[in-house]
């Protein structure tokens, strides 16, 4: 399996869409996750670039994922 180097997150109130690509731009991950599943999802992946819109949810989610990765 190729390594995900970039993850894009579409934020919503309860359900998020996650899209991860490898160095060639090939889609590796495309999932729909509930808010409660987000941290577990990021714990399974090595640190990488994560893109998300700028809003209050992104601030708290960004801080939580930053603490998740070593």
N, C-alpha and C. Protein backbone atom coordinates (compact mmCIF):
# COMPACT_ATOMS: atom_id res chain seq x y z
N UNK A 1 0.84 -1.19 0.00
CA UNK A 1 0.00 0.00 0.00
C UNK A 1 0.88 1.24 0.00
N UNK A 2 0.53 2.20 -0.82
CA UNK A 2 1.30 3.43 -0.88
C UNK A 2 0.97 4.31 0.33
N UNK A 3 1.91 5.17 0.67
CA UNK A 3 1.77 6.03 1.84
C UNK A 3 0.99 7.30 1.49
N UNK A 4 0.05 7.65 2.34
CA UNK A 4 -0.71 8.89 2.18
C UNK A 4 0.20 10.04 2.60
N UNK A 5 0.36 11.04 1.71
CA UNK A 5 1.19 12.19 2.07
C UNK A 5 0.36 13.45 2.30
N UNK A 6 -0.86 13.48 1.78
CA UNK A 6 -1.73 14.64 1.96
C UNK A 6 -3.15 14.16 2.22
N UNK A 7 -3.78 14.75 3.23
CA UNK A 7 -5.18 14.44 3.54
C UNK A 7 -5.98 15.74 3.50
N UNK A 8 -7.08 15.71 2.77
CA UNK A 8 -8.01 16.83 2.75
C UNK A 8 -9.24 16.46 3.54
N UNK A 9 -9.72 17.40 4.36
CA UNK A 9 -10.87 17.15 5.21
C UNK A 9 -11.95 18.18 4.90
N UNK A 10 -13.13 17.70 4.56
CA UNK A 10 -14.29 18.57 4.39
C UNK A 10 -15.06 18.53 5.71
N UNK A 11 -15.06 19.64 6.41
CA UNK A 11 -15.66 19.70 7.73
C UNK A 11 -17.16 19.95 7.65
N UNK A 12 -17.88 19.37 8.56
CA UNK A 12 -19.32 19.58 8.70
C UNK A 12 -19.65 19.47 10.18
N UNK A 13 -20.92 19.55 10.49
CA UNK A 13 -21.30 19.52 11.90
C UNK A 13 -21.06 18.16 12.54
N UNK A 14 -21.47 17.08 11.89
CA UNK A 14 -21.34 15.74 12.47
C UNK A 14 -20.59 14.74 11.60
N UNK A 15 -20.63 14.90 10.29
CA UNK A 15 -20.02 13.94 9.37
C UNK A 15 -18.98 14.66 8.52
N UNK A 16 -17.76 14.10 8.47
CA UNK A 16 -16.67 14.68 7.71
C UNK A 16 -16.32 13.78 6.53
N UNK A 17 -15.86 14.37 5.46
CA UNK A 17 -15.34 13.62 4.32
C UNK A 17 -13.82 13.75 4.34
N UNK A 18 -13.12 12.62 4.17
CA UNK A 18 -11.67 12.59 4.20
C UNK A 18 -11.18 12.03 2.87
N UNK A 19 -10.18 12.69 2.28
CA UNK A 19 -9.64 12.32 0.98
C UNK A 19 -8.12 12.34 1.11
N UNK A 20 -7.46 11.19 0.96
CA UNK A 20 -6.01 11.11 1.08
C UNK A 20 -5.37 10.66 -0.22
N UNK A 21 -4.25 11.30 -0.58
CA UNK A 21 -3.54 10.96 -1.81
C UNK A 21 -2.08 10.65 -1.52
N UNK A 22 -1.46 9.90 -2.45
CA UNK A 22 -0.03 9.59 -2.33
C UNK A 22 0.78 10.63 -3.11
N UNK A 23 2.08 10.40 -3.21
CA UNK A 23 2.97 11.35 -3.88
C UNK A 23 2.65 11.54 -5.36
N UNK A 24 2.04 10.53 -5.98
CA UNK A 24 1.67 10.62 -7.40
C UNK A 24 0.30 11.26 -7.60
N UNK A 25 -0.41 11.56 -6.51
CA UNK A 25 -1.75 12.14 -6.61
C UNK A 25 -2.85 11.10 -6.72
N UNK A 26 -2.49 9.83 -6.59
CA UNK A 26 -3.49 8.76 -6.65
C UNK A 26 -4.26 8.71 -5.33
N UNK A 27 -5.56 8.52 -5.43
CA UNK A 27 -6.40 8.46 -4.24
C UNK A 27 -6.14 7.16 -3.48
N UNK A 28 -5.79 7.29 -2.21
CA UNK A 28 -5.53 6.14 -1.35
C UNK A 28 -6.67 5.96 -0.35
N UNK A 29 -7.19 7.06 0.14
CA UNK A 29 -8.26 7.04 1.15
C UNK A 29 -9.38 7.97 0.72
N UNK A 30 -10.59 7.47 0.76
CA UNK A 30 -11.77 8.30 0.54
C UNK A 30 -12.85 7.75 1.47
N UNK A 31 -13.11 8.47 2.56
CA UNK A 31 -14.04 7.96 3.58
C UNK A 31 -14.93 9.06 4.11
N UNK A 32 -16.01 8.63 4.68
CA UNK A 32 -16.91 9.51 5.41
C UNK A 32 -16.81 9.10 6.88
N UNK A 33 -16.52 10.06 7.75
CA UNK A 33 -16.31 9.76 9.16
C UNK A 33 -17.19 10.63 10.05
N UNK A 34 -17.63 10.07 11.13
CA UNK A 34 -18.34 10.83 12.15
C UNK A 34 -17.31 11.56 13.01
N UNK A 35 -17.74 12.58 13.68
CA UNK A 35 -16.86 13.37 14.54
C UNK A 35 -16.11 12.48 15.53
N UNK A 36 -16.79 11.50 16.08
CA UNK A 36 -16.19 10.61 17.09
C UNK A 36 -15.12 9.68 16.49
N UNK A 37 -15.09 9.53 15.17
CA UNK A 37 -14.13 8.64 14.52
C UNK A 37 -12.86 9.35 14.04
N UNK A 38 -12.86 10.67 14.07
CA UNK A 38 -11.77 11.42 13.47
C UNK A 38 -10.41 11.17 14.11
N UNK A 39 -10.30 11.25 15.41
CA UNK A 39 -8.99 11.07 16.05
C UNK A 39 -8.46 9.66 15.86
N UNK A 40 -9.33 8.66 15.92
CA UNK A 40 -8.90 7.28 15.69
C UNK A 40 -8.36 7.13 14.26
N UNK A 41 -9.00 7.79 13.30
CA UNK A 41 -8.54 7.75 11.91
C UNK A 41 -7.13 8.32 11.80
N UNK A 42 -6.89 9.48 12.39
CA UNK A 42 -5.58 10.12 12.28
C UNK A 42 -4.51 9.36 13.06
N UNK A 43 -4.87 8.67 14.12
CA UNK A 43 -3.89 7.88 14.87
C UNK A 43 -3.34 6.73 14.03
N UNK A 44 -4.13 6.23 13.07
CA UNK A 44 -3.72 5.11 12.22
C UNK A 44 -2.75 5.53 11.12
N UNK A 45 -2.66 6.81 10.82
CA UNK A 45 -1.84 7.30 9.72
C UNK A 45 -0.61 8.03 10.24
N UNK A 46 0.51 7.90 9.54
CA UNK A 46 1.70 8.66 9.95
C UNK A 46 1.45 10.16 9.71
N UNK A 47 2.22 11.01 10.37
CA UNK A 47 2.06 12.45 10.17
C UNK A 47 2.19 12.83 8.69
N UNK A 48 1.32 13.74 8.26
CA UNK A 48 1.35 14.21 6.88
C UNK A 48 0.69 15.59 6.82
N UNK A 49 0.67 16.17 5.64
CA UNK A 49 0.02 17.45 5.42
C UNK A 49 -1.49 17.25 5.45
N UNK A 50 -2.19 18.07 6.25
CA UNK A 50 -3.64 17.98 6.34
C UNK A 50 -4.21 19.35 5.98
N UNK A 51 -5.10 19.36 5.01
CA UNK A 51 -5.75 20.60 4.59
C UNK A 51 -7.21 20.60 4.97
N UNK A 52 -7.66 21.73 5.54
CA UNK A 52 -9.07 21.88 5.89
C UNK A 52 -9.41 23.36 5.88
N UNK A 53 -10.68 23.65 5.78
CA UNK A 53 -11.12 25.04 5.75
C UNK A 53 -10.86 25.72 7.10
N UNK A 54 -10.78 27.02 7.08
CA UNK A 54 -10.55 27.78 8.30
C UNK A 54 -11.88 28.10 8.97
N UNK A 55 -12.11 27.49 10.12
CA UNK A 55 -13.31 27.76 10.90
C UNK A 55 -13.06 27.29 12.33
N UNK A 56 -14.00 27.49 13.22
CA UNK A 56 -13.82 27.10 14.62
C UNK A 56 -13.57 25.60 14.75
N UNK A 57 -14.25 24.79 13.95
CA UNK A 57 -14.06 23.34 14.01
C UNK A 57 -12.64 22.97 13.62
N UNK A 58 -12.09 23.64 12.61
CA UNK A 58 -10.73 23.30 12.17
C UNK A 58 -9.70 23.63 13.24
N UNK A 59 -9.92 24.67 14.00
CA UNK A 59 -8.99 25.02 15.08
C UNK A 59 -8.91 23.91 16.12
N UNK A 60 -10.07 23.43 16.57
CA UNK A 60 -10.07 22.39 17.60
C UNK A 60 -9.61 21.05 17.04
N UNK A 61 -10.02 20.72 15.82
CA UNK A 61 -9.59 19.45 15.22
C UNK A 61 -8.10 19.47 14.92
N UNK A 62 -7.58 20.59 14.45
CA UNK A 62 -6.15 20.72 14.19
C UNK A 62 -5.33 20.54 15.45
N UNK A 63 -5.77 21.14 16.53
CA UNK A 63 -5.05 21.00 17.81
C UNK A 63 -5.10 19.56 18.30
N UNK A 64 -6.23 18.91 18.14
CA UNK A 64 -6.37 17.51 18.59
C UNK A 64 -5.50 16.58 17.76
N UNK A 65 -5.43 16.77 16.44
CA UNK A 65 -4.60 15.90 15.61
C UNK A 65 -3.12 16.18 15.86
N UNK A 66 -2.78 17.41 16.17
CA UNK A 66 -1.39 17.74 16.48
C UNK A 66 -0.94 16.99 17.73
N UNK A 67 -1.80 16.84 18.70
CA UNK A 67 -1.46 16.08 19.91
C UNK A 67 -1.47 14.57 19.66
N UNK A 68 -2.18 14.12 18.61
CA UNK A 68 -2.28 12.69 18.29
C UNK A 68 -0.97 12.16 17.72
N UNK A 69 -0.31 12.95 16.87
CA UNK A 69 0.92 12.49 16.24
C UNK A 69 2.12 12.87 17.08
N UNK A 70 3.15 12.00 17.10
CA UNK A 70 4.35 12.29 17.90
C UNK A 70 5.14 13.46 17.35
